[in-house]
Amino acid sequence: MADPARIKPEVKPERTTSANEEQPKPESAEDGPTASKPADVSKESSSQDQVKQEEKSDVAAGEDEEEGTSDQAAKRLKLEPEKKKERRQKVDEDEIQKMQVLVSSFSEEQLNRYEMYRRSAFPKAAIKRLIQSITGSSVSQNVVIAMSGISKVFAGEIVEEALDVCEKWGETPPLQPKHMREAVRRLKSRAQIPNTKYKQILFQ
């Protein structure tokens, strides 16, 4: 029979060795999360890089769209004046053709009257003095030219209305002062001539 005191010390080293063998396992377990952490960090950084690249691409696309819209707007602005010029040229050409047809159908008397109408003009010096006396300031030459043209049109309208009055009254030209006064009265009644003395009462 073997002594049990001798057998016990032999069993103890096995347990210690097994304990020693089992101790490194936690180290490997601890190494697992540490090894996985860099992988997770790398994944997060790659996803952040992708998001940043997408944002940059979106910003670049937005800038490209803005540049495209600005270029289109500039092209439209350039094309609009050209179209307007073409339209004006067409309108001017049409008016010239109409005037040529109209003048070709005039009689000699009508041609003489038309020539006198084209040659007639108010003296620009008198128009300038009148404007300066009313406004109290100096006026450019362009304003004088415009006012002289408007005055010529205004006088032509009064003469046309006076001729209509003369025909309705059964009289023949030349025009008389009574025809001119009646023409002015009729134009004022139609509100085609401003009346400075008349003041419209809005509230009674």
N, C-alpha and C. Protein backbone atom coordinates (compact mmCIF):
# COMPACT_ATOMS: atom_id res chain seq x y z
N MET A 1 0.85 -1.18 0.00
CA MET A 1 0.00 0.00 0.00
C MET A 1 0.89 1.23 0.00
N ALA A 2 0.58 2.17 -0.84
CA ALA A 2 1.37 3.41 -0.92
C ALA A 2 0.90 4.38 0.12
N ASP A 3 1.86 5.21 0.55
CA ASP A 3 1.53 6.21 1.56
C ASP A 3 0.83 7.37 0.88
N PRO A 4 -0.36 7.74 1.40
CA PRO A 4 -1.09 8.86 0.75
C PRO A 4 -0.38 10.18 0.85
N ALA A 5 0.51 10.37 1.82
CA ALA A 5 1.24 11.63 1.93
C ALA A 5 2.19 11.82 0.79
N ARG A 6 2.70 10.71 0.22
CA ARG A 6 3.61 10.81 -0.91
C ARG A 6 2.86 11.07 -2.21
N ILE A 7 1.66 10.66 -2.31
CA ILE A 7 0.91 10.81 -3.57
C ILE A 7 0.40 12.24 -3.73
N LYS A 8 0.01 12.90 -2.66
CA LYS A 8 -0.58 14.23 -2.75
C LYS A 8 0.35 15.25 -3.38
N PRO A 9 1.67 15.28 -3.01
CA PRO A 9 2.52 16.29 -3.64
C PRO A 9 2.65 16.09 -5.13
N GLU A 10 2.46 14.93 -5.67
CA GLU A 10 2.56 14.71 -7.11
C GLU A 10 1.37 15.30 -7.85
N VAL A 11 0.23 15.33 -7.21
CA VAL A 11 -0.99 15.85 -7.87
C VAL A 11 -0.97 17.36 -7.92
N LYS A 12 -0.37 17.99 -6.93
CA LYS A 12 -0.35 19.46 -6.87
C LYS A 12 0.33 20.10 -8.07
N PRO A 13 1.52 19.61 -8.51
CA PRO A 13 2.13 20.26 -9.67
C PRO A 13 1.27 20.20 -10.91
N GLU A 14 0.46 19.13 -11.07
CA GLU A 14 -0.41 19.06 -12.26
C GLU A 14 -1.42 20.19 -12.24
N ARG A 15 -1.96 20.44 -11.05
CA ARG A 15 -2.96 21.52 -10.95
C ARG A 15 -2.31 22.87 -11.21
N THR A 16 -1.10 23.03 -10.73
CA THR A 16 -0.43 24.30 -10.95
C THR A 16 -0.10 24.51 -12.41
N THR A 17 0.33 23.36 -13.01
CA THR A 17 0.63 23.50 -14.44
C THR A 17 -0.63 23.78 -15.25
N SER A 18 -1.71 23.11 -14.84
CA SER A 18 -2.97 23.37 -15.56
C SER A 18 -3.43 24.79 -15.33
N ALA A 19 -3.19 25.26 -14.11
CA ALA A 19 -3.55 26.65 -13.83
C ALA A 19 -2.71 27.60 -14.63
N ASN A 20 -1.38 27.21 -14.71
CA ASN A 20 -0.49 28.06 -15.50
C ASN A 20 -0.85 28.03 -16.97
N GLU A 21 -1.29 26.85 -17.41
CA GLU A 21 -1.67 26.76 -18.82
C GLU A 21 -2.95 27.52 -19.11
N GLU A 22 -3.84 27.57 -18.14
CA GLU A 22 -5.11 28.26 -18.35
C GLU A 22 -4.96 29.77 -18.21
N GLN A 23 -3.88 30.27 -17.53
CA GLN A 23 -3.73 31.71 -17.32
C GLN A 23 -3.50 32.50 -18.61
N PRO A 24 -2.74 32.02 -19.60
CA PRO A 24 -2.54 32.86 -20.79
C PRO A 24 -3.79 33.06 -21.62
N LYS A 25 -4.82 32.26 -21.38
CA LYS A 25 -6.04 32.41 -22.18
C LYS A 25 -6.64 33.81 -22.07
N PRO A 26 -6.75 34.41 -20.92
CA PRO A 26 -7.29 35.77 -20.85
C PRO A 26 -6.47 36.75 -21.65
N GLU A 27 -5.10 36.50 -21.73
CA GLU A 27 -4.29 37.43 -22.53
C GLU A 27 -4.72 37.42 -23.98
N SER A 28 -4.98 36.21 -24.51
CA SER A 28 -5.45 36.14 -25.89
C SER A 28 -6.81 36.76 -26.03
N ALA A 29 -7.63 36.56 -24.97
CA ALA A 29 -8.97 37.17 -25.02
C ALA A 29 -8.86 38.68 -24.98
N GLU A 30 -7.87 39.16 -24.17
CA GLU A 30 -7.69 40.61 -24.14
C GLU A 30 -7.13 41.14 -25.44
N ASP A 31 -6.29 40.32 -26.09
CA ASP A 31 -5.71 40.76 -27.37
C ASP A 31 -6.77 40.84 -28.46
N GLY A 32 -7.84 40.05 -28.37
CA GLY A 32 -8.88 40.06 -29.41
C GLY A 32 -9.54 41.41 -29.56
N PRO A 33 -10.06 42.01 -28.50
CA PRO A 33 -10.68 43.33 -28.63
C PRO A 33 -9.70 44.39 -29.06
N THR A 34 -8.44 44.32 -28.58
CA THR A 34 -7.46 45.32 -29.00
C THR A 34 -7.17 45.23 -30.47
N ALA A 35 -7.19 44.00 -31.00
CA ALA A 35 -6.94 43.85 -32.43
C ALA A 35 -8.14 44.29 -33.24
N SER A 36 -9.34 44.09 -32.68
CA SER A 36 -10.55 44.49 -33.41
C SER A 36 -10.76 46.00 -33.38
N LYS A 37 -10.25 46.65 -32.32
CA LYS A 37 -10.43 48.10 -32.21
C LYS A 37 -9.81 48.85 -33.37
N PRO A 38 -8.59 48.59 -33.78
CA PRO A 38 -8.03 49.30 -34.93
C PRO A 38 -8.83 49.06 -36.20
N ALA A 39 -9.38 47.85 -36.33
CA ALA A 39 -10.20 47.58 -37.53
C ALA A 39 -11.44 48.47 -37.52
N ASP A 40 -12.09 48.60 -36.31
CA ASP A 40 -13.27 49.45 -36.23
C ASP A 40 -12.91 50.91 -36.50
N VAL A 41 -11.78 51.35 -35.96
CA VAL A 41 -11.34 52.73 -36.18
C VAL A 41 -11.09 52.99 -37.65
N SER A 42 -10.45 52.00 -38.30
CA SER A 42 -10.17 52.17 -39.73
C SER A 42 -11.46 52.22 -40.53
N LYS A 43 -12.46 51.40 -40.13
CA LYS A 43 -13.75 51.44 -40.83
C LYS A 43 -14.42 52.79 -40.65
N GLU A 44 -14.40 53.32 -39.41
CA GLU A 44 -15.02 54.63 -39.16
C GLU A 44 -14.33 55.72 -39.94
N SER A 45 -13.00 55.69 -39.98
CA SER A 45 -12.26 56.72 -40.72
C SER A 45 -12.55 56.63 -42.21
N SER A 46 -12.65 55.40 -42.72
CA SER A 46 -12.96 55.25 -44.15
C SER A 46 -14.36 55.75 -44.45
N SER A 47 -15.32 55.46 -43.53
CA SER A 47 -16.69 55.96 -43.76
C SER A 47 -16.72 57.48 -43.69
N GLN A 48 -15.96 58.09 -42.76
CA GLN A 48 -15.89 59.55 -42.68
C GLN A 48 -15.27 60.14 -43.93
N ASP A 49 -14.23 59.47 -44.44
CA ASP A 49 -13.61 59.95 -45.68
C ASP A 49 -14.60 59.90 -46.84
N GLN A 50 -15.38 58.81 -46.90
CA GLN A 50 -16.37 58.70 -47.97
C GLN A 50 -17.42 59.81 -47.86
N VAL A 51 -17.86 60.10 -46.62
CA VAL A 51 -18.85 61.17 -46.42
C VAL A 51 -18.28 62.51 -46.86
N LYS A 52 -17.00 62.76 -46.48
CA LYS A 52 -16.36 64.02 -46.87
C LYS A 52 -16.23 64.14 -48.38
N GLN A 53 -15.87 63.02 -49.02
CA GLN A 53 -15.75 63.05 -50.48
C GLN A 53 -17.09 63.30 -51.14
N GLU A 54 -18.16 62.68 -50.58
CA GLU A 54 -19.49 62.92 -51.12
C GLU A 54 -19.90 64.37 -50.96
N GLU A 55 -19.59 64.95 -49.77
CA GLU A 55 -19.92 66.36 -49.55
C GLU A 55 -19.16 67.25 -50.52
N LYS A 56 -17.87 66.94 -50.73
CA LYS A 56 -17.08 67.73 -51.68
C LYS A 56 -17.63 67.62 -53.08
N SER A 57 -18.03 66.41 -53.45
CA SER A 57 -18.58 66.22 -54.80
C SER A 57 -19.90 66.97 -54.95
N ASP A 58 -20.74 66.96 -53.86
CA ASP A 58 -22.00 67.72 -53.91
C ASP A 58 -21.73 69.21 -54.04
N VAL A 59 -20.77 69.72 -53.26
CA VAL A 59 -20.43 71.15 -53.33
C VAL A 59 -19.92 71.51 -54.71
N ALA A 60 -19.04 70.64 -55.26
CA ALA A 60 -18.52 70.91 -56.60
C ALA A 60 -19.62 70.88 -57.64
N ALA A 61 -20.57 69.92 -57.48
CA ALA A 61 -21.69 69.86 -58.43
C ALA A 61 -22.55 71.11 -58.31
N GLY A 62 -22.78 71.57 -57.05
CA GLY A 62 -23.57 72.80 -56.87
C GLY A 62 -22.89 74.00 -57.50
N GLU A 63 -21.55 74.09 -57.32
CA GLU A 63 -20.83 75.20 -57.93
C GLU A 63 -20.90 75.13 -59.45
N ASP A 64 -20.79 73.90 -59.98
CA ASP A 64 -20.89 73.76 -61.44
C ASP A 64 -22.27 74.17 -61.94
N GLU A 65 -23.32 73.79 -61.18
CA GLU A 65 -24.67 74.19 -61.58
C GLU A 65 -24.83 75.70 -61.53
N GLU A 66 -24.29 76.33 -60.45
CA GLU A 66 -24.39 77.78 -60.35
C GLU A 66 -23.65 78.46 -61.50
N GLU A 67 -22.47 77.94 -61.82
CA GLU A 67 -21.73 78.52 -62.95
C GLU A 67 -22.49 78.34 -64.25
N GLY A 68 -23.13 77.16 -64.40
CA GLY A 68 -23.91 76.93 -65.62
C GLY A 68 -25.09 77.88 -65.72
N THR A 69 -25.80 78.08 -64.59
CA THR A 69 -26.94 79.00 -64.61
C THR A 69 -26.49 80.43 -64.86
N SER A 70 -25.36 80.83 -64.25
CA SER A 70 -24.86 82.19 -64.49
C SER A 70 -24.45 82.38 -65.94
N ASP A 71 -23.83 81.35 -66.52
CA ASP A 71 -23.47 81.44 -67.94
C ASP A 71 -24.70 81.54 -68.82
N GLN A 72 -25.73 80.75 -68.50
CA GLN A 72 -26.97 80.82 -69.28
C GLN A 72 -27.62 82.18 -69.16
N ALA A 73 -27.62 82.74 -67.93
CA ALA A 73 -28.21 84.07 -67.74
C ALA A 73 -27.45 85.12 -68.53
N ALA A 74 -26.11 85.02 -68.53
CA ALA A 74 -25.31 85.97 -69.30
C ALA A 74 -25.59 85.85 -70.79
N LYS A 75 -25.72 84.61 -71.26
CA LYS A 75 -26.02 84.41 -72.68
C LYS A 75 -27.38 84.99 -73.03
N ARG A 76 -28.37 84.79 -72.13
CA ARG A 76 -29.70 85.35 -72.38
C ARG A 76 -29.65 86.86 -72.44
N LEU A 77 -28.90 87.47 -71.50
CA LEU A 77 -28.79 88.92 -71.50
C LEU A 77 -28.14 89.43 -72.77
N LYS A 78 -27.19 88.66 -73.31
CA LYS A 78 -26.55 89.06 -74.55
C LYS A 78 -27.48 88.90 -75.74
N LEU A 79 -28.31 87.84 -75.71
CA LEU A 79 -29.19 87.56 -76.84
C LEU A 79 -30.37 88.52 -76.88
N GLU A 80 -30.86 88.95 -75.70
CA GLU A 80 -32.04 89.82 -75.67
C GLU A 80 -31.81 91.15 -76.38
N PRO A 81 -30.69 91.86 -76.11
CA PRO A 81 -30.47 93.11 -76.86
C PRO A 81 -30.35 92.89 -78.36
N GLU A 82 -29.74 91.77 -78.76
CA GLU A 82 -29.61 91.49 -80.18
C GLU A 82 -30.99 91.27 -80.81
N LYS A 83 -31.86 90.54 -80.11
CA LYS A 83 -33.21 90.31 -80.62
C LYS A 83 -33.98 91.63 -80.71
N LYS A 84 -33.81 92.48 -79.69
CA LYS A 84 -34.49 93.78 -79.71
C LYS A 84 -34.01 94.63 -80.88
N LYS A 85 -32.69 94.60 -81.13
CA LYS A 85 -32.16 95.35 -82.26
C LYS A 85 -32.72 94.85 -83.58
N GLU A 86 -32.80 93.52 -83.71
CA GLU A 86 -33.35 92.95 -84.94
C GLU A 86 -34.81 93.35 -85.13
N ARG A 87 -35.58 93.30 -84.02
CA ARG A 87 -36.99 93.70 -84.11
C ARG A 87 -37.12 95.16 -84.50
N ARG A 88 -36.29 96.01 -83.89
CA ARG A 88 -36.36 97.44 -84.22
C ARG A 88 -36.01 97.67 -85.68
N GLN A 89 -34.99 96.98 -86.16
CA GLN A 89 -34.62 97.12 -87.56
C GLN A 89 -35.75 96.70 -88.48
N LYS A 90 -36.42 95.58 -88.12
CA LYS A 90 -37.54 95.12 -88.93
C LYS A 90 -38.67 96.14 -88.92
N VAL A 91 -38.97 96.69 -87.73
CA VAL A 91 -40.04 97.69 -87.62
C VAL A 91 -39.69 98.93 -88.42
N ASP A 92 -38.44 99.38 -88.32
CA ASP A 92 -38.02 100.56 -89.09
C ASP A 92 -38.13 100.31 -90.58
N GLU A 93 -37.72 99.13 -91.01
CA GLU A 93 -37.81 98.82 -92.44
C GLU A 93 -39.27 98.79 -92.91
N ASP A 94 -40.15 98.22 -92.08
CA ASP A 94 -41.57 98.18 -92.44
C ASP A 94 -42.15 99.59 -92.53
N GLU A 95 -41.79 100.44 -91.56
CA GLU A 95 -42.30 101.81 -91.58
C GLU A 95 -41.78 102.57 -92.80
N ILE A 96 -40.52 102.36 -93.13
CA ILE A 96 -39.96 103.03 -94.32
C ILE A 96 -40.69 102.60 -95.59
N GLN A 97 -40.95 101.31 -95.70
CA GLN A 97 -41.68 100.81 -96.88
C GLN A 97 -43.09 101.39 -96.94
N LYS A 98 -43.77 101.44 -95.78
CA LYS A 98 -45.12 102.01 -95.75
C LYS A 98 -45.11 103.48 -96.14
N MET A 99 -44.12 104.23 -95.64
CA MET A 99 -44.03 105.65 -95.99
C MET A 99 -43.73 105.83 -97.47
N GLN A 100 -42.90 104.97 -98.03
CA GLN A 100 -42.62 105.07 -99.47
C GLN A 100 -43.87 104.82 -100.30
N VAL A 101 -44.64 103.81 -99.89
CA VAL A 101 -45.89 103.53 -100.61
C VAL A 101 -46.85 104.70 -100.47
N LEU A 102 -46.93 105.28 -99.26
CA LEU A 102 -47.85 106.40 -99.03
C LEU A 102 -47.43 107.64 -99.82
N VAL A 103 -46.13 107.94 -99.80
CA VAL A 103 -45.65 109.13 -100.52
C VAL A 103 -45.80 108.96 -102.02
N SER A 104 -45.63 107.74 -102.51
CA SER A 104 -45.78 107.51 -103.95
C SER A 104 -47.22 107.72 -104.42
N SER A 105 -48.17 107.58 -103.51
CA SER A 105 -49.58 107.78 -103.87
C SER A 105 -50.05 109.22 -103.65
N PHE A 106 -49.16 110.13 -103.17
CA PHE A 106 -49.55 111.53 -102.96
C PHE A 106 -49.72 112.25 -104.30
N SER A 107 -50.58 113.24 -104.25
CA SER A 107 -50.68 114.16 -105.39
C SER A 107 -49.62 115.25 -105.25
N GLU A 108 -49.53 116.15 -106.23
CA GLU A 108 -48.52 117.21 -106.18
C GLU A 108 -48.77 118.15 -105.01
N GLU A 109 -50.02 118.49 -104.79
CA GLU A 109 -50.34 119.38 -103.67
C GLU A 109 -50.00 118.72 -102.33
N GLN A 110 -50.35 117.45 -102.20
CA GLN A 110 -50.04 116.75 -100.95
C GLN A 110 -48.54 116.61 -100.74
N LEU A 111 -47.81 116.39 -101.83
CA LEU A 111 -46.35 116.31 -101.71
C LEU A 111 -45.76 117.63 -101.24
N ASN A 112 -46.25 118.73 -101.78
CA ASN A 112 -45.76 120.05 -101.36
C ASN A 112 -46.05 120.29 -99.88
N ARG A 113 -47.24 119.92 -99.45
CA ARG A 113 -47.60 120.10 -98.05
C ARG A 113 -46.73 119.21 -97.15
N TYR A 114 -46.49 117.99 -97.61
CA TYR A 114 -45.66 117.07 -96.81
C TYR A 114 -44.23 117.58 -96.71
N GLU A 115 -43.72 118.13 -97.81
CA GLU A 115 -42.36 118.69 -97.78
C GLU A 115 -42.27 119.88 -96.83
N MET A 116 -43.28 120.73 -96.86
CA MET A 116 -43.29 121.88 -95.95
C MET A 116 -43.38 121.41 -94.49
N TYR A 117 -44.16 120.36 -94.28
CA TYR A 117 -44.27 119.81 -92.92
C TYR A 117 -42.93 119.27 -92.43
N ARG A 118 -42.21 118.57 -93.32
CA ARG A 118 -40.93 118.01 -92.93
C ARG A 118 -39.89 119.10 -92.69
N ARG A 119 -39.96 120.18 -93.45
CA ARG A 119 -38.96 121.24 -93.30
C ARG A 119 -39.26 122.17 -92.13
N SER A 120 -40.52 122.27 -91.77
CA SER A 120 -40.89 123.21 -90.71
C SER A 120 -40.37 122.73 -89.36
N ALA A 121 -39.97 123.67 -88.52
CA ALA A 121 -39.46 123.36 -87.18
C ALA A 121 -39.46 124.63 -86.35
N PHE A 122 -39.63 124.46 -85.06
CA PHE A 122 -39.57 125.60 -84.15
C PHE A 122 -38.10 125.97 -83.92
N PRO A 123 -37.82 127.27 -83.80
CA PRO A 123 -36.43 127.68 -83.54
C PRO A 123 -35.96 127.16 -82.18
N LYS A 124 -34.82 126.49 -82.20
CA LYS A 124 -34.32 125.85 -80.97
C LYS A 124 -33.90 126.87 -79.92
N ALA A 125 -33.43 128.04 -80.37
CA ALA A 125 -33.02 129.07 -79.39
C ALA A 125 -34.24 129.55 -78.60
N ALA A 126 -35.37 129.76 -79.29
CA ALA A 126 -36.57 130.21 -78.60
C ALA A 126 -37.09 129.14 -77.64
N ILE A 127 -37.03 127.87 -78.09
CA ILE A 127 -37.48 126.77 -77.21
C ILE A 127 -36.59 126.69 -75.97
N LYS A 128 -35.29 126.87 -76.15
CA LYS A 128 -34.36 126.80 -75.01
C LYS A 128 -34.63 127.93 -74.03
N ARG A 129 -34.85 129.13 -74.55
CA ARG A 129 -35.15 130.27 -73.66
C ARG A 129 -36.44 130.05 -72.88
N LEU A 130 -37.44 129.49 -73.56
CA LEU A 130 -38.73 129.25 -72.90
C LEU A 130 -38.58 128.21 -71.79
N ILE A 131 -37.85 127.14 -72.06
CA ILE A 131 -37.67 126.10 -71.05
C ILE A 131 -36.89 126.64 -69.86
N GLN A 132 -35.84 127.40 -70.12
CA GLN A 132 -35.02 127.95 -69.03
C GLN A 132 -35.81 128.95 -68.19
N SER A 133 -36.70 129.71 -68.84
CA SER A 133 -37.51 130.68 -68.08
C SER A 133 -38.52 129.97 -67.18
N ILE A 134 -38.99 128.78 -67.61
CA ILE A 134 -39.98 128.05 -66.80
C ILE A 134 -39.29 127.26 -65.70
N THR A 135 -38.22 126.55 -66.05
CA THR A 135 -37.56 125.69 -65.07
C THR A 135 -36.57 126.44 -64.19
N GLY A 136 -35.98 127.51 -64.72
CA GLY A 136 -34.99 128.27 -63.97
C GLY A 136 -33.63 127.60 -63.91
N SER A 137 -33.35 126.70 -64.83
CA SER A 137 -32.06 126.02 -64.87
C SER A 137 -31.67 125.78 -66.33
N SER A 138 -30.38 125.55 -66.54
CA SER A 138 -29.88 125.31 -67.88
C SER A 138 -30.34 123.93 -68.39
N VAL A 139 -30.50 123.81 -69.71
CA VAL A 139 -31.02 122.60 -70.32
C VAL A 139 -30.05 122.15 -71.40
N SER A 140 -29.89 120.83 -71.56
CA SER A 140 -29.01 120.29 -72.58
C SER A 140 -29.65 120.41 -73.96
N GLN A 141 -28.84 120.20 -74.98
CA GLN A 141 -29.31 120.32 -76.36
C GLN A 141 -30.30 119.20 -76.71
N ASN A 142 -30.12 118.03 -76.13
CA ASN A 142 -31.04 116.92 -76.41
C ASN A 142 -32.45 117.23 -75.94
N VAL A 143 -32.56 117.87 -74.79
CA VAL A 143 -33.88 118.25 -74.27
C VAL A 143 -34.54 119.27 -75.19
N VAL A 144 -33.76 120.19 -75.69
CA VAL A 144 -34.30 121.21 -76.61
C VAL A 144 -34.82 120.56 -77.89
N ILE A 145 -34.06 119.62 -78.43
CA ILE A 145 -34.48 118.92 -79.65
C ILE A 145 -35.77 118.14 -79.40
N ALA A 146 -35.85 117.45 -78.27
CA ALA A 146 -37.05 116.67 -77.95
C ALA A 146 -38.27 117.57 -77.79
N MET A 147 -38.10 118.70 -77.09
CA MET A 147 -39.22 119.61 -76.88
C MET A 147 -39.68 120.26 -78.18
N SER A 148 -38.75 120.58 -79.05
CA SER A 148 -39.14 121.16 -80.33
C SER A 148 -39.92 120.15 -81.17
N GLY A 149 -39.53 118.88 -81.13
CA GLY A 149 -40.29 117.85 -81.85
C GLY A 149 -41.68 117.66 -81.28
N ILE A 150 -41.80 117.63 -79.94
CA ILE A 150 -43.11 117.48 -79.31
C ILE A 150 -44.00 118.68 -79.64
N SER A 151 -43.44 119.87 -79.64
CA SER A 151 -44.21 121.07 -79.96
C SER A 151 -44.73 121.02 -81.40
N LYS A 152 -43.91 120.49 -82.29
CA LYS A 152 -44.32 120.37 -83.69
C LYS A 152 -45.49 119.39 -83.82
N VAL A 153 -45.44 118.27 -83.11
CA VAL A 153 -46.54 117.30 -83.15
C VAL A 153 -47.80 117.92 -82.56
N PHE A 154 -47.67 118.67 -81.46
CA PHE A 154 -48.82 119.31 -80.82
C PHE A 154 -49.48 120.31 -81.76
N ALA A 155 -48.67 121.12 -82.43
CA ALA A 155 -49.23 122.09 -83.39
C ALA A 155 -49.92 121.38 -84.55
N GLY A 156 -49.34 120.23 -84.99
CA GLY A 156 -49.97 119.48 -86.08
C GLY A 156 -51.32 118.93 -85.67
N GLU A 157 -51.47 118.46 -84.44
CA GLU A 157 -52.77 117.96 -83.98
C GLU A 157 -53.81 119.07 -83.95
N ILE A 158 -53.42 120.26 -83.50
CA ILE A 158 -54.37 121.38 -83.46
C ILE A 158 -54.79 121.77 -84.88
N VAL A 159 -53.85 121.78 -85.82
CA VAL A 159 -54.17 122.14 -87.20
C VAL A 159 -55.12 121.11 -87.81
N GLU A 160 -54.89 119.82 -87.56
CA GLU A 160 -55.78 118.78 -88.09
C GLU A 160 -57.20 118.94 -87.54
N GLU A 161 -57.29 119.20 -86.23
CA GLU A 161 -58.62 119.39 -85.64
C GLU A 161 -59.28 120.65 -86.18
N ALA A 162 -58.50 121.70 -86.42
CA ALA A 162 -59.06 122.93 -86.98
C ALA A 162 -59.57 122.70 -88.40
N LEU A 163 -58.88 121.89 -89.19
CA LEU A 163 -59.36 121.56 -90.54
C LEU A 163 -60.68 120.78 -90.48
N ASP A 164 -60.80 119.87 -89.52
CA ASP A 164 -62.07 119.15 -89.36
C ASP A 164 -63.20 120.10 -88.99
N VAL A 165 -62.91 121.06 -88.11
CA VAL A 165 -63.91 122.05 -87.72
C VAL A 165 -64.33 122.88 -88.94
N CYS A 166 -63.36 123.28 -89.76
CA CYS A 166 -63.65 124.07 -90.95
C CYS A 166 -64.56 123.31 -91.91
N GLU A 167 -64.30 122.03 -92.09
CA GLU A 167 -65.15 121.22 -92.98
C GLU A 167 -66.56 121.06 -92.42
N LYS A 168 -66.67 120.82 -91.09
CA LYS A 168 -67.99 120.64 -90.49
C LYS A 168 -68.83 121.92 -90.57
N TRP A 169 -68.19 123.03 -90.47
CA TRP A 169 -68.91 124.31 -90.57
C TRP A 169 -69.22 124.69 -92.02
N GLY A 170 -68.79 123.90 -92.95
CA GLY A 170 -69.07 124.17 -94.35
C GLY A 170 -68.24 125.32 -94.92
N GLU A 171 -67.07 125.51 -94.36
CA GLU A 171 -66.19 126.57 -94.84
C GLU A 171 -64.96 125.95 -95.49
N THR A 172 -64.25 126.76 -96.22
CA THR A 172 -63.04 126.29 -96.91
C THR A 172 -61.81 126.98 -96.33
N PRO A 173 -60.64 126.30 -96.41
CA PRO A 173 -59.41 126.94 -95.94
C PRO A 173 -59.14 128.21 -96.75
N PRO A 174 -58.27 129.09 -96.29
CA PRO A 174 -57.35 128.95 -95.15
C PRO A 174 -58.04 128.99 -93.80
N LEU A 175 -57.34 128.46 -92.80
CA LEU A 175 -57.88 128.42 -91.46
C LEU A 175 -57.91 129.82 -90.85
N GLN A 176 -58.89 130.01 -90.01
CA GLN A 176 -59.06 131.29 -89.32
C GLN A 176 -58.90 131.07 -87.81
N PRO A 177 -58.72 132.16 -87.07
CA PRO A 177 -58.54 132.01 -85.62
C PRO A 177 -59.71 131.30 -84.93
N LYS A 178 -60.94 131.50 -85.45
CA LYS A 178 -62.09 130.83 -84.81
C LYS A 178 -61.98 129.30 -84.95
N HIS A 179 -61.44 128.86 -86.10
CA HIS A 179 -61.24 127.41 -86.27
C HIS A 179 -60.21 126.87 -85.27
N MET A 180 -59.15 127.62 -85.05
CA MET A 180 -58.10 127.19 -84.12
C MET A 180 -58.64 127.16 -82.68
N ARG A 181 -59.43 128.19 -82.31
CA ARG A 181 -59.98 128.22 -80.95
C ARG A 181 -60.94 127.05 -80.73
N GLU A 182 -61.77 126.77 -81.72
CA GLU A 182 -62.70 125.65 -81.58
C GLU A 182 -61.95 124.31 -81.49
N ALA A 183 -60.86 124.22 -82.26
CA ALA A 183 -60.06 122.99 -82.20
C ALA A 183 -59.46 122.81 -80.81
N VAL A 184 -58.93 123.88 -80.23
CA VAL A 184 -58.35 123.79 -78.89
C VAL A 184 -59.44 123.44 -77.87
N ARG A 185 -60.62 124.05 -78.02
CA ARG A 185 -61.72 123.75 -77.08
C ARG A 185 -62.11 122.28 -77.14
N ARG A 186 -62.18 121.72 -78.36
CA ARG A 186 -62.57 120.31 -78.50
C ARG A 186 -61.50 119.38 -77.94
N LEU A 187 -60.25 119.71 -78.18
CA LEU A 187 -59.18 118.88 -77.63
C LEU A 187 -59.17 118.93 -76.10
N LYS A 188 -59.46 120.09 -75.51
CA LYS A 188 -59.53 120.18 -74.06
C LYS A 188 -60.70 119.37 -73.51
N SER A 189 -61.83 119.38 -74.23
CA SER A 189 -62.98 118.60 -73.77
C SER A 189 -62.70 117.10 -73.81
N ARG A 190 -61.80 116.67 -74.72
CA ARG A 190 -61.41 115.26 -74.78
C ARG A 190 -60.24 114.93 -73.84
N ALA A 191 -59.78 115.91 -73.09
CA ALA A 191 -58.65 115.76 -72.17
C ALA A 191 -57.35 115.45 -72.92
N GLN A 192 -57.24 115.93 -74.17
CA GLN A 192 -56.00 115.77 -74.93
C GLN A 192 -55.06 116.96 -74.75
N ILE A 193 -55.55 118.02 -74.14
CA ILE A 193 -54.72 119.19 -73.81
C ILE A 193 -54.87 119.44 -72.32
N PRO A 194 -53.77 119.51 -71.58
CA PRO A 194 -53.88 119.76 -70.13
C PRO A 194 -54.34 121.18 -69.85
N ASN A 195 -55.28 121.31 -68.94
CA ASN A 195 -55.79 122.62 -68.54
C ASN A 195 -55.27 122.91 -67.15
N THR A 196 -54.38 123.88 -67.04
CA THR A 196 -53.76 124.18 -65.74
C THR A 196 -54.71 124.91 -64.81
N LYS A 197 -55.68 125.62 -65.35
CA LYS A 197 -56.60 126.38 -64.50
C LYS A 197 -57.65 125.47 -63.85
N TYR A 198 -57.98 124.37 -64.52
CA TYR A 198 -59.00 123.47 -64.01
C TYR A 198 -58.40 122.55 -62.96
N LYS A 199 -59.06 122.47 -61.83
CA LYS A 199 -58.63 121.59 -60.75
C LYS A 199 -59.77 120.66 -60.40
N GLN A 200 -59.52 119.38 -60.53
CA GLN A 200 -60.54 118.39 -60.25
C GLN A 200 -60.70 118.25 -58.73
N ILE A 201 -61.96 118.32 -58.27
CA ILE A 201 -62.25 118.19 -56.85
C ILE A 201 -62.53 116.72 -56.57
N LEU A 202 -61.68 116.13 -55.76
CA LEU A 202 -61.81 114.72 -55.46
C LEU A 202 -62.91 114.47 -54.41
N PHE A 203 -62.93 115.30 -53.36
CA PHE A 203 -63.89 115.12 -52.27
C PHE A 203 -64.72 116.40 -52.12
N GLN A 204 -66.01 116.22 -52.06
CA GLN A 204 -66.91 117.38 -51.90
C GLN A 204 -67.50 117.40 -50.50
